[in-house]
Protein backbone atom coordinates (compact mmCIF):
# COMPACT_ATOMS: atom_id res chain seq x y z
CA MET A 1 -21.13 88.58 -49.76
CA THR A 2 -21.52 87.53 -53.37
CA THR A 3 -24.37 89.27 -55.11
CA GLY A 4 -24.10 87.53 -58.46
CA GLY A 5 -24.46 90.83 -60.24
CA SER A 6 -27.84 91.62 -58.70
CA HIS A 7 -26.41 94.97 -57.53
CA LEU A 8 -26.04 95.85 -61.22
CA LYS A 9 -29.69 95.00 -61.85
CA TYR A 10 -30.77 97.15 -58.94
CA ALA A 11 -28.56 100.02 -60.14
CA ARG A 12 -29.86 99.88 -63.73
CA ALA A 13 -33.48 99.74 -62.59
CA LEU A 14 -32.84 102.58 -60.16
CA LEU A 15 -31.25 104.75 -62.85
CA ASN A 16 -34.12 104.10 -65.27
CA THR A 17 -36.69 104.94 -62.60
CA ALA A 18 -34.78 108.07 -61.57
CA LYS A 19 -34.52 109.20 -65.21
CA LYS A 20 -38.28 108.89 -65.68
CA ALA A 21 -38.83 111.02 -62.58
CA ASP A 22 -36.04 113.46 -63.53
CA ALA A 23 -34.39 112.66 -60.20
CA GLU A 24 -31.04 111.10 -61.18
CA GLU A 25 -28.98 113.73 -59.36
CA GLN A 26 -31.07 113.65 -56.19
CA VAL A 27 -30.91 109.85 -56.07
CA MET A 28 -27.14 110.07 -56.63
CA LYS A 29 -26.86 112.49 -53.68
CA ASP A 30 -29.05 110.27 -51.48
CA LEU A 31 -27.09 107.12 -52.32
CA SER A 32 -23.81 108.90 -51.67
CA GLN A 33 -24.98 109.93 -48.20
CA LEU A 34 -26.33 106.47 -47.45
CA ASN A 35 -23.11 104.90 -48.70
CA SER A 36 -21.09 106.96 -46.24
CA CYS A 37 -23.34 105.66 -43.44
CA PHE A 38 -22.40 102.11 -44.37
CA ARG A 39 -18.75 102.96 -43.59
CA ASP A 40 -19.63 104.01 -40.04
CA GLU A 41 -19.02 101.21 -37.53
CA GLN A 42 -21.93 102.21 -35.26
CA PHE A 43 -24.28 102.17 -38.26
CA LYS A 44 -23.08 98.66 -39.17
CA VAL A 45 -23.83 97.48 -35.63
CA THR A 46 -27.32 99.00 -35.79
CA LEU A 47 -27.90 97.47 -39.21
CA LYS A 48 -27.05 94.01 -37.87
CA LYS A 49 -29.47 94.51 -34.97
CA ILE A 50 -32.41 95.40 -37.20
CA ALA A 51 -31.58 93.11 -40.12
CA TYR A 52 -33.84 90.30 -38.96
CA LEU A 53 -36.84 92.26 -37.85
CA GLU A 54 -40.13 91.20 -39.37
CA LYS A 55 -40.20 92.73 -42.88
CA SER A 56 -43.16 95.05 -42.41
CA ARG A 57 -41.73 96.32 -39.11
CA LEU A 58 -38.36 96.92 -40.77
CA GLN A 59 -40.10 98.80 -43.59
CA LYS A 60 -41.96 101.04 -41.12
CA MET A 61 -38.72 101.72 -39.23
CA LEU A 62 -36.87 102.74 -42.41
CA GLU A 63 -39.76 104.87 -43.65
CA GLY A 64 -39.98 106.58 -40.26
CA ALA A 65 -36.25 107.28 -40.18
CA PHE A 66 -35.84 108.48 -43.76
CA GLN A 67 -39.24 109.90 -44.80
CA GLY A 68 -38.71 113.47 -46.01
CA LYS A 69 -34.92 113.06 -45.93
CA LEU A 70 -34.57 110.99 -49.08
CA HIS A 71 -36.23 111.15 -52.47
CA ARG A 72 -39.08 108.64 -52.61
CA ILE A 73 -37.13 106.57 -55.18
CA SER A 74 -34.14 106.30 -52.83
CA LEU A 75 -36.42 105.39 -49.93
CA ASN A 76 -38.16 102.77 -52.08
CA LEU A 77 -34.76 101.23 -52.87
CA LEU A 78 -33.92 101.04 -49.16
CA VAL A 79 -37.23 99.38 -48.40
CA LEU A 80 -36.87 96.98 -51.33
CA LEU A 81 -33.36 95.96 -50.24
CA ALA A 82 -34.48 95.58 -46.63
CA ARG A 83 -37.46 93.41 -47.55
CA ALA A 84 -35.16 91.22 -49.68
CA ARG A 85 -32.66 91.09 -46.76
CA LYS A 86 -30.05 92.73 -49.01
CA LEU A 87 -29.37 96.05 -47.24
CA PRO A 88 -25.63 95.29 -47.01
CA MET A 89 -25.61 95.38 -50.83
CA LEU A 90 -26.32 99.13 -50.87
CA PRO A 91 -22.65 100.22 -51.29
CA GLN A 92 -22.34 97.97 -54.36
CA VAL A 93 -25.59 99.35 -55.77
CA PHE A 94 -24.28 102.87 -55.14
CA ASP A 95 -20.99 102.15 -56.94
CA ALA A 96 -22.79 100.69 -59.96
CA TYR A 97 -25.35 103.54 -60.00
CA ALA A 98 -22.60 106.17 -59.73
CA GLN A 99 -20.64 104.62 -62.58
CA ALA A 100 -23.71 104.47 -64.84
CA PHE A 101 -24.78 107.98 -63.80
CA HIS A 102 -21.36 109.46 -64.55
CA GLN A 103 -21.08 107.62 -67.84
CA ALA A 104 -24.52 108.86 -68.94
CA LYS A 105 -23.56 112.44 -68.03
CA GLY A 106 -20.12 112.23 -69.69
CA ILE A 107 -18.36 112.68 -66.36
CA HIS A 108 -14.88 111.14 -66.09
CA GLU A 109 -14.26 109.23 -62.82
CA TYR A 110 -11.06 109.31 -60.78
CA THR A 111 -10.08 108.02 -57.39
CA VAL A 112 -7.21 109.82 -55.70
CA ARG A 113 -5.60 108.03 -52.77
CA THR A 114 -3.18 109.99 -50.62
CA ALA A 115 -1.05 109.24 -47.58
CA ARG A 116 -2.99 111.80 -45.53
CA LYS A 117 -6.42 113.35 -45.74
CA LEU A 118 -6.32 116.35 -48.05
CA THR A 119 -7.72 119.72 -47.05
CA ASN A 120 -10.72 121.07 -48.96
CA ASP A 121 -8.44 123.51 -50.82
CA GLU A 122 -6.11 120.68 -51.85
CA GLU A 123 -9.05 118.59 -53.05
CA VAL A 124 -10.41 121.49 -55.11
CA ALA A 125 -6.95 122.08 -56.62
CA MET A 126 -6.67 118.38 -57.54
CA ILE A 127 -10.12 118.39 -59.13
CA ASP A 128 -9.17 121.49 -61.14
CA ARG A 129 -5.92 119.87 -62.35
CA LEU A 130 -7.69 116.68 -63.43
CA GLN A 131 -10.50 118.59 -65.11
CA ASN A 132 -8.04 120.82 -66.99
CA LYS A 133 -6.02 117.76 -68.04
CA ILE A 134 -8.91 116.17 -69.94
CA ASP A 135 -11.12 119.23 -70.50
CA LYS A 136 -14.22 117.32 -69.35
CA PRO A 137 -16.26 117.27 -66.16
CA VAL A 138 -14.80 114.95 -63.55
CA HIS A 139 -15.95 113.20 -60.41
CA VAL A 140 -13.15 112.55 -57.94
CA THR A 141 -13.35 110.26 -54.94
CA PHE A 142 -10.70 110.95 -52.34
CA GLU A 143 -9.31 108.27 -50.06
CA HIS A 144 -6.39 108.26 -47.70
CA ASN A 145 -4.06 105.43 -46.74
CA ALA A 146 -1.15 106.12 -44.39
CA GLY A 147 0.60 103.05 -45.83
CA LEU A 148 1.53 105.10 -48.88
CA ILE A 149 3.91 107.01 -46.57
CA GLY A 150 3.70 110.07 -48.83
CA GLY A 151 2.55 111.04 -52.30
CA MET A 152 -0.53 109.76 -54.08
CA GLN A 153 -2.08 107.22 -56.40
CA ILE A 154 -4.53 108.21 -59.13
CA PHE A 155 -6.95 105.53 -60.34
CA GLU A 156 -8.63 106.04 -63.69
CA ARG A 157 -10.64 103.42 -65.59
CA GLY A 158 -8.67 100.47 -64.26
CA HIS A 159 -5.28 102.20 -64.67
CA VAL A 160 -3.20 103.46 -61.76
CA THR A 161 -0.61 106.21 -61.77
CA ASP A 162 1.42 105.75 -58.62
CA TYR A 163 3.39 108.68 -57.21
CA SER A 164 3.61 107.25 -53.69
CA ILE A 165 6.74 106.85 -51.62
CA GLN A 166 5.61 103.29 -50.93
CA ASN A 167 5.78 102.58 -54.67
CA TYR A 168 9.23 104.19 -55.02
CA LEU A 169 10.52 102.10 -52.11
CA GLN A 170 9.11 98.91 -53.63
CA MET A 171 10.72 99.74 -56.99
CA MET A 172 14.08 100.41 -55.29
CA LYS A 173 13.83 97.14 -53.38
CA LYS A 174 13.06 95.24 -56.58
CA GLN A 175 16.06 96.84 -58.35
CA MET A 176 18.36 96.05 -55.46
CA LEU A 177 17.27 92.41 -55.40
CA THR A 178 17.72 91.96 -59.16
CA ASN A 179 21.25 93.45 -59.19
């Protein structure tokens, strides 16, 4: 779905509203939890089922489900997106909000993709290494992709450092084909 940048407008407005209410961190936490729901297949099925309910009924359903579980600003965003029939845009709004939030707080963003899911201890060790490397607070998103075979990829501000076996095999193949 093309949003034409409207997810950025929602994210900026959300951050400004959250700043005024001194709720940026709570909204960040709420959006992170909601974003993880959007990755769940059962949630996606449910979302499709309720997507075309009458708007006021959809609003009441969302308010009933999330009242007291989300900050009022986060709940208002959900209702606003639902009424505009743009709930599927929430992950994009979250990504834009997170980027603006981290930038405003001076937090450096990384994505670490590994061939297998890391344990909590391994994730903490990776966060410590990255934080010590730049001597700034960091936010690390962990992903796993078995296609890497082994190793990891570290994404940082549009740059990738690739330590994966998949990458080494591709480089070897390229060398063999050019010789």
